[in-house]
Amino acid sequence: MNLKESLEKKRFVVTSEVQAPLGDDEPEALVKSLSRVRGRVDGVSVSDVELEGVVGDSIQTCDLLLKNRFNAIYQTTTRDKNRYQLQKDLTSAHEVGVDNLLVFTEDYRISGDSLQESMFFHVDSGKLASVLDHLRQGVTIEGNDLGKNFEFTLGSGVETPWGKQMPKRGMEELEDMLNVGTGYFLTTPIFDVDQFEKFMKQVAPFRVPVIAEVMILRTAGMGKFLNRHFKSGLVPEWVIQKLLNAPDRTKASIELFADTVKSLKDICQGVHIVTIGGEDKLARYLNAAKLR
């Protein structure tokens, strides 16, 4: 079952994400690390990545995932791409068989041992709409015939305001993305489920699936890093203390993840799991949370 079907059938969707291999990284090693969760996730997103001048080939990675029986999600940004670059990338992704698209203006990236990041979220809906409208009609933005119509299951990022009243502009941006054809929204990382539930009540009138991003924290240091560099107070202090004081930190990490997912099952339509370089450990977390 593909991602679109899972959303339409209102299944509790489970997706994860990986970073496209960089430099001397072996693509086959990535597939091997994910082999234990094949069939257990509805999609695996691959982000645009550039570190120290080295660019990961996310479309090639999507192709590799598809050939190894994973539903690939091409994750891209809109801020630094003009319409022609967006069209080129989406056409290339579609040609290798990708039919899932996840878009942001610019996305934070926390991956590997370095925990490097940049900030993210709101989508340039006008630019994206222009490109997608043409591709859906089977023509380029220059008016050239593509020979077929391109269709994507579109997801877009939404920044949860952590229980505060969402500003009017935020609601307008959600509406803009619905007009572009968004089939689901993906949130910023969720740690405080009670606050997230308030956010869900605010966006309920849109009647669009919301997938909550859940980040696997393996150490207290990861939580402190997120609070210091991403969003102050994002990771509650009690979470950090549990990881810091636990005699078995792996067990504590898995418990935190499982408890969060269990609470989210009654609130939203799925989870997007960020492993922070721990793809080979994902199966243990899925087992604990009873996710397929």
Protein backbone atom coordinates (compact mmCIF):
# COMPACT_ATOMS: atom_id res chain seq x y z
CA MET A 1 0.00 0.00 0.00
CA ASN A 2 1.44 3.38 -0.98
CA LEU A 3 1.38 6.56 1.10
CA LYS A 4 -1.62 8.05 -0.71
CA GLU A 5 -3.69 4.92 -0.11
CA SER A 6 -2.70 4.82 3.56
CA LEU A 7 -3.79 8.43 3.99
CA GLU A 8 -7.08 7.89 2.17
CA LYS A 9 -7.88 4.77 4.20
CA LYS A 10 -7.09 6.75 7.38
CA ARG A 11 -4.45 4.29 8.54
CA PHE A 12 -2.02 5.49 11.18
CA VAL A 13 0.81 6.40 8.82
CA VAL A 14 4.44 5.72 9.70
CA THR A 15 7.21 7.41 7.74
CA SER A 16 10.86 8.05 8.44
CA GLU A 17 13.68 9.93 6.79
CA VAL A 18 17.26 9.44 5.74
CA GLN A 19 20.05 11.64 4.53
CA ALA A 20 21.38 11.10 1.02
CA PRO A 21 24.87 9.55 1.21
CA LEU A 22 27.71 12.08 1.12
CA GLY A 23 31.27 11.70 -0.07
CA ASP A 24 32.56 8.20 0.60
CA ASP A 25 29.30 7.00 2.18
CA GLU A 26 28.11 3.73 0.68
CA PRO A 27 24.47 3.87 -0.55
CA GLU A 28 24.19 0.11 -0.06
CA ALA A 29 24.93 0.55 3.64
CA LEU A 30 21.91 2.82 3.92
CA VAL A 31 19.65 0.20 2.35
CA LYS A 32 21.07 -2.47 4.64
CA SER A 33 20.39 -0.36 7.74
CA LEU A 34 16.75 0.05 6.64
CA SER A 35 16.22 -3.58 5.66
CA ARG A 36 14.76 -4.47 9.08
CA VAL A 37 11.88 -2.02 8.63
CA ARG A 38 10.96 -2.86 5.03
CA GLY A 39 7.18 -3.16 4.90
CA ARG A 40 6.76 -1.47 8.27
CA VAL A 41 6.91 2.14 7.10
CA ASP A 42 4.66 3.83 4.55
CA GLY A 43 7.44 5.97 3.18
CA VAL A 44 11.05 7.05 3.59
CA SER A 45 11.85 10.66 2.81
CA VAL A 46 15.20 11.76 1.40
CA SER A 47 16.26 15.36 1.90
CA ASP A 48 18.42 17.73 -0.10
CA VAL A 49 21.73 17.80 1.75
CA GLU A 50 24.91 19.83 1.39
CA LEU A 51 27.69 19.77 3.97
CA GLU A 52 31.00 21.54 3.49
CA GLY A 53 30.47 21.80 -0.25
CA VAL A 54 29.58 18.12 -0.71
CA VAL A 55 26.09 17.56 -2.10
CA GLY A 56 24.12 14.37 -1.56
CA ASP A 57 22.17 13.06 -4.54
CA SER A 58 18.68 12.75 -3.06
CA ILE A 59 17.02 11.72 -6.34
CA GLN A 60 19.53 8.91 -6.86
CA THR A 61 18.90 7.83 -3.27
CA CYS A 62 15.13 7.81 -3.93
CA ASP A 63 15.80 5.63 -6.96
CA LEU A 64 17.85 3.24 -4.82
CA LEU A 65 15.08 3.03 -2.21
CA LEU A 66 12.44 2.34 -4.85
CA LYS A 67 14.53 -0.46 -6.34
CA ASN A 68 14.76 -1.98 -2.86
CA ARG A 69 10.99 -1.90 -2.30
CA PHE A 70 10.69 1.24 -0.17
CA ASN A 71 8.16 4.00 -0.89
CA ALA A 72 10.48 6.93 -1.49
CA ILE A 73 9.47 10.50 -0.62
CA TYR A 74 11.43 13.22 -2.37
CA GLN A 75 11.93 15.99 0.18
CA THR A 76 12.93 19.37 -1.19
CA THR A 77 12.90 23.08 -0.43
CA THR A 78 11.58 26.12 -2.28
CA ARG A 79 13.52 29.08 -0.88
CA ASP A 80 16.73 28.85 -2.89
CA LYS A 81 15.25 27.33 -6.05
CA ASN A 82 13.65 29.22 -8.90
CA ARG A 83 10.80 27.72 -10.89
CA TYR A 84 13.12 26.18 -13.46
CA GLN A 85 15.24 24.41 -10.85
CA LEU A 86 12.14 23.14 -9.07
CA GLN A 87 10.75 21.85 -12.36
CA LYS A 88 14.05 20.13 -13.21
CA ASP A 89 14.23 18.41 -9.82
CA LEU A 90 10.58 17.32 -9.76
CA THR A 91 10.81 16.01 -13.32
CA SER A 92 13.97 14.04 -12.48
CA ALA A 93 12.31 12.60 -9.37
CA HIS A 94 9.21 11.59 -11.30
CA GLU A 95 11.30 9.92 -14.01
CA VAL A 96 12.82 7.49 -11.49
CA GLY A 97 9.36 6.62 -10.21
CA VAL A 98 8.88 8.97 -7.25
CA ASP A 99 5.26 9.97 -6.68
CA ASN A 100 5.58 11.36 -3.13
CA LEU A 101 6.73 14.93 -2.57
CA LEU A 102 7.44 16.72 0.72
CA VAL A 103 8.19 20.44 0.53
CA PHE A 104 9.53 23.17 2.79
CA THR A 105 10.99 26.61 2.21
CA GLU A 106 14.15 25.59 4.02
CA ASP A 107 14.42 22.70 6.44
CA TYR A 108 16.42 22.19 9.59
CA ARG A 109 18.74 19.28 9.31
CA ILE A 110 19.97 17.30 12.25
CA SER A 111 21.88 14.24 11.20
CA GLY A 112 24.91 12.12 11.94
CA ASP A 113 27.43 12.69 14.67
CA SER A 114 27.89 16.40 13.96
CA LEU A 115 24.24 17.34 14.63
CA GLN A 116 24.46 20.18 12.12
CA GLU A 117 21.34 22.21 11.45
CA SER A 118 19.76 25.13 9.62
CA MET A 119 16.30 26.54 10.21
CA PHE A 120 13.11 25.75 8.33
CA PHE A 121 9.51 25.54 7.32
CA HIS A 122 7.05 27.77 5.43
CA VAL A 123 6.66 26.96 1.74
CA ASP A 124 6.70 29.45 -1.13
CA SER A 125 3.28 28.32 -2.28
CA GLY A 126 3.07 30.59 -5.33
CA LYS A 127 6.30 29.30 -6.84
CA LEU A 128 5.42 25.69 -6.10
CA ALA A 129 1.86 26.03 -7.43
CA SER A 130 3.11 27.45 -10.72
CA VAL A 131 5.40 24.45 -11.33
CA LEU A 132 2.98 21.77 -10.13
CA ASP A 133 0.06 23.18 -12.14
CA HIS A 134 2.10 22.87 -15.33
CA LEU A 135 3.39 19.37 -14.53
CA ARG A 136 -0.11 18.15 -13.73
CA GLN A 137 -1.20 19.34 -17.18
CA GLY A 138 1.75 17.58 -18.80
CA VAL A 139 3.58 20.71 -19.92
CA THR A 140 6.66 22.59 -18.74
CA ILE A 141 6.53 26.16 -17.52
CA GLU A 142 7.98 27.07 -20.94
CA GLY A 143 4.98 25.42 -22.59
CA ASN A 144 6.72 22.30 -23.91
CA ASP A 145 4.80 19.01 -23.99
CA LEU A 146 6.02 16.45 -21.44
CA GLY A 147 4.11 13.58 -23.02
CA LYS A 148 2.37 12.69 -19.76
CA ASN A 149 0.79 14.28 -16.71
CA PHE A 150 2.79 14.30 -13.48
CA GLU A 151 1.01 13.63 -10.21
CA PHE A 152 2.52 13.74 -6.72
CA THR A 153 1.11 13.02 -3.29
CA LEU A 154 2.07 16.34 -1.76
CA GLY A 155 2.97 16.95 1.87
CA SER A 156 4.12 20.26 3.32
CA GLY A 157 5.66 21.43 6.56
CA VAL A 158 3.72 23.25 9.24
CA GLU A 159 5.30 24.83 12.28
CA THR A 160 3.24 23.97 15.34
CA PRO A 161 2.89 27.00 17.65
CA TRP A 162 3.17 24.79 20.74
CA GLY A 163 -0.33 25.38 22.03
CA LYS A 164 -0.45 29.13 21.55
CA GLN A 165 -3.13 30.64 19.34
CA MET A 166 -1.99 30.24 15.76
CA PRO A 167 -1.56 33.67 14.14
CA LYS A 168 -3.87 34.61 11.29
CA ARG A 169 -1.00 34.49 8.81
CA GLY A 170 -0.21 30.93 9.88
CA MET A 171 -3.77 29.84 9.13
CA GLU A 172 -3.62 31.62 5.77
CA GLU A 173 -0.43 29.76 4.87
CA LEU A 174 -2.10 26.44 5.61
CA GLU A 175 -4.99 27.43 3.36
CA ASP A 176 -2.57 28.47 0.62
CA MET A 177 -0.93 25.05 0.70
CA LEU A 178 -4.31 23.31 0.54
CA ASN A 179 -5.01 25.27 -2.63
CA VAL A 180 -1.73 23.98 -4.08
CA GLY A 181 -2.92 20.42 -3.45
CA THR A 182 -1.40 19.45 -0.14
CA GLY A 183 -2.61 16.03 0.96
CA TYR A 184 -1.12 16.13 4.44
CA PHE A 185 0.87 18.37 6.78
CA LEU A 186 4.06 17.37 8.55
CA THR A 187 4.77 19.13 11.83
CA THR A 188 7.87 20.32 13.59
CA PRO A 189 9.16 17.84 16.24
CA ILE A 190 6.62 16.95 18.92
CA PHE A 191 7.67 16.40 22.52
CA ASP A 192 4.83 18.00 24.46
CA VAL A 193 1.74 16.06 23.41
CA ASP A 194 -0.68 18.19 25.46
CA GLN A 195 0.37 21.35 23.64
CA PHE A 196 0.26 19.56 20.30
CA GLU A 197 -3.32 18.48 21.00
CA LYS A 198 -4.29 22.14 21.34
CA PHE A 199 -2.68 22.83 17.98
CA MET A 200 -4.65 19.97 16.42
CA LYS A 201 -7.91 21.47 17.64
CA GLN A 202 -6.97 24.75 15.93
CA VAL A 203 -6.33 23.12 12.56
CA ALA A 204 -9.21 20.61 12.75
CA PRO A 205 -11.46 22.73 10.44
CA PHE A 206 -9.06 22.10 7.54
CA ARG A 207 -9.87 18.37 7.69
CA VAL A 208 -6.44 17.40 6.34
CA PRO A 209 -4.27 14.59 7.74
CA VAL A 210 -1.51 15.75 10.08
CA ILE A 211 1.60 13.66 10.60
CA ALA A 212 3.57 14.45 13.75
CA GLU A 213 7.33 14.45 13.58
CA VAL A 214 8.83 12.41 16.40
CA MET A 215 12.53 12.67 16.98
CA ILE A 216 14.41 9.81 18.61
CA LEU A 217 16.51 11.24 21.43
CA ARG A 218 19.20 8.82 22.51
CA THR A 219 21.00 11.12 24.96
CA ALA A 220 20.30 14.14 27.16
CA GLY A 221 22.90 16.01 25.12
CA MET A 222 20.70 15.78 22.03
CA GLY A 223 17.84 17.38 23.93
CA LYS A 224 20.04 20.18 25.23
CA PHE A 225 21.34 20.80 21.72
CA LEU A 226 17.82 21.16 20.33
CA ASN A 227 16.85 23.63 23.05
CA ARG A 228 20.01 25.66 22.57
CA HIS A 229 20.13 25.82 18.78
CA PHE A 230 16.68 25.01 17.41
CA LYS A 231 13.96 26.23 19.77
CA SER A 232 14.28 27.12 23.42
CA GLY A 233 12.12 24.82 25.53
CA LEU A 234 11.35 22.47 22.63
CA VAL A 235 12.49 19.42 24.62
CA PRO A 236 10.89 19.52 28.10
CA GLU A 237 13.30 19.48 31.02
CA TRP A 238 11.75 16.30 32.42
CA VAL A 239 12.66 14.48 29.19
CA ILE A 240 16.27 15.63 29.45
CA GLN A 241 16.44 14.63 33.10
CA LYS A 242 15.04 11.19 32.40
CA LEU A 243 17.73 10.54 29.81
CA LEU A 244 20.41 12.06 32.00
CA ASN A 245 19.60 10.06 35.12
CA ALA A 246 18.48 6.75 33.62
CA PRO A 247 20.75 3.80 34.48
CA ASP A 248 19.91 2.41 31.03
CA ARG A 249 19.70 5.33 28.61
CA THR A 250 18.76 3.19 25.62
CA LYS A 251 15.78 1.80 27.53
CA ALA A 252 14.77 5.31 28.62
CA SER A 253 15.04 6.58 25.05
CA ILE A 254 12.83 3.78 23.74
CA GLU A 255 10.27 4.33 26.51
CA LEU A 256 10.06 8.05 25.73
CA PHE A 257 9.49 7.32 22.06
CA ALA A 258 6.90 4.60 22.67
CA ASP A 259 4.95 6.73 25.15
CA THR A 260 4.88 9.68 22.74
CA VAL A 261 3.67 7.58 19.82
CA LYS A 262 1.02 5.90 21.96
CA SER A 263 -0.38 9.31 22.93
CA LEU A 264 -0.29 10.58 19.34
CA LYS A 265 -2.31 7.67 17.95
CA ASP A 266 -5.54 9.24 19.20
CA ILE A 267 -4.65 12.77 18.11
CA CYS A 268 -3.27 12.74 14.57
CA GLN A 269 -2.95 10.42 11.57
CA GLY A 270 0.63 9.34 11.77
CA VAL A 271 4.22 9.87 12.81
CA HIS A 272 7.32 10.83 10.88
CA ILE A 273 10.33 9.42 12.69
CA VAL A 274 13.66 11.22 12.67
CA THR A 275 16.39 8.82 13.76
CA ILE A 276 19.30 11.31 13.74
CA GLY A 277 21.62 8.85 12.04
CA GLY A 278 20.27 5.77 13.81
CA GLU A 279 18.42 4.04 10.96
CA ASP A 280 19.79 0.67 12.03
CA LYS A 281 18.11 1.08 15.44
CA LEU A 282 14.69 2.05 14.10
CA ALA A 283 13.21 -1.46 14.30
CA ARG A 284 13.64 -1.55 18.09
CA TYR A 285 11.70 1.69 18.46
CA LEU A 286 8.94 0.50 16.11
CA ASN A 287 8.63 -2.71 18.14
CA ALA A 288 8.34 -0.82 21.42
CA ALA A 289 5.67 1.50 20.01
CA LYS A 290 3.83 -1.44 18.41
CA LEU A 291 4.04 0.12 14.99
CA ARG A 292 3.42 -2.87 12.69
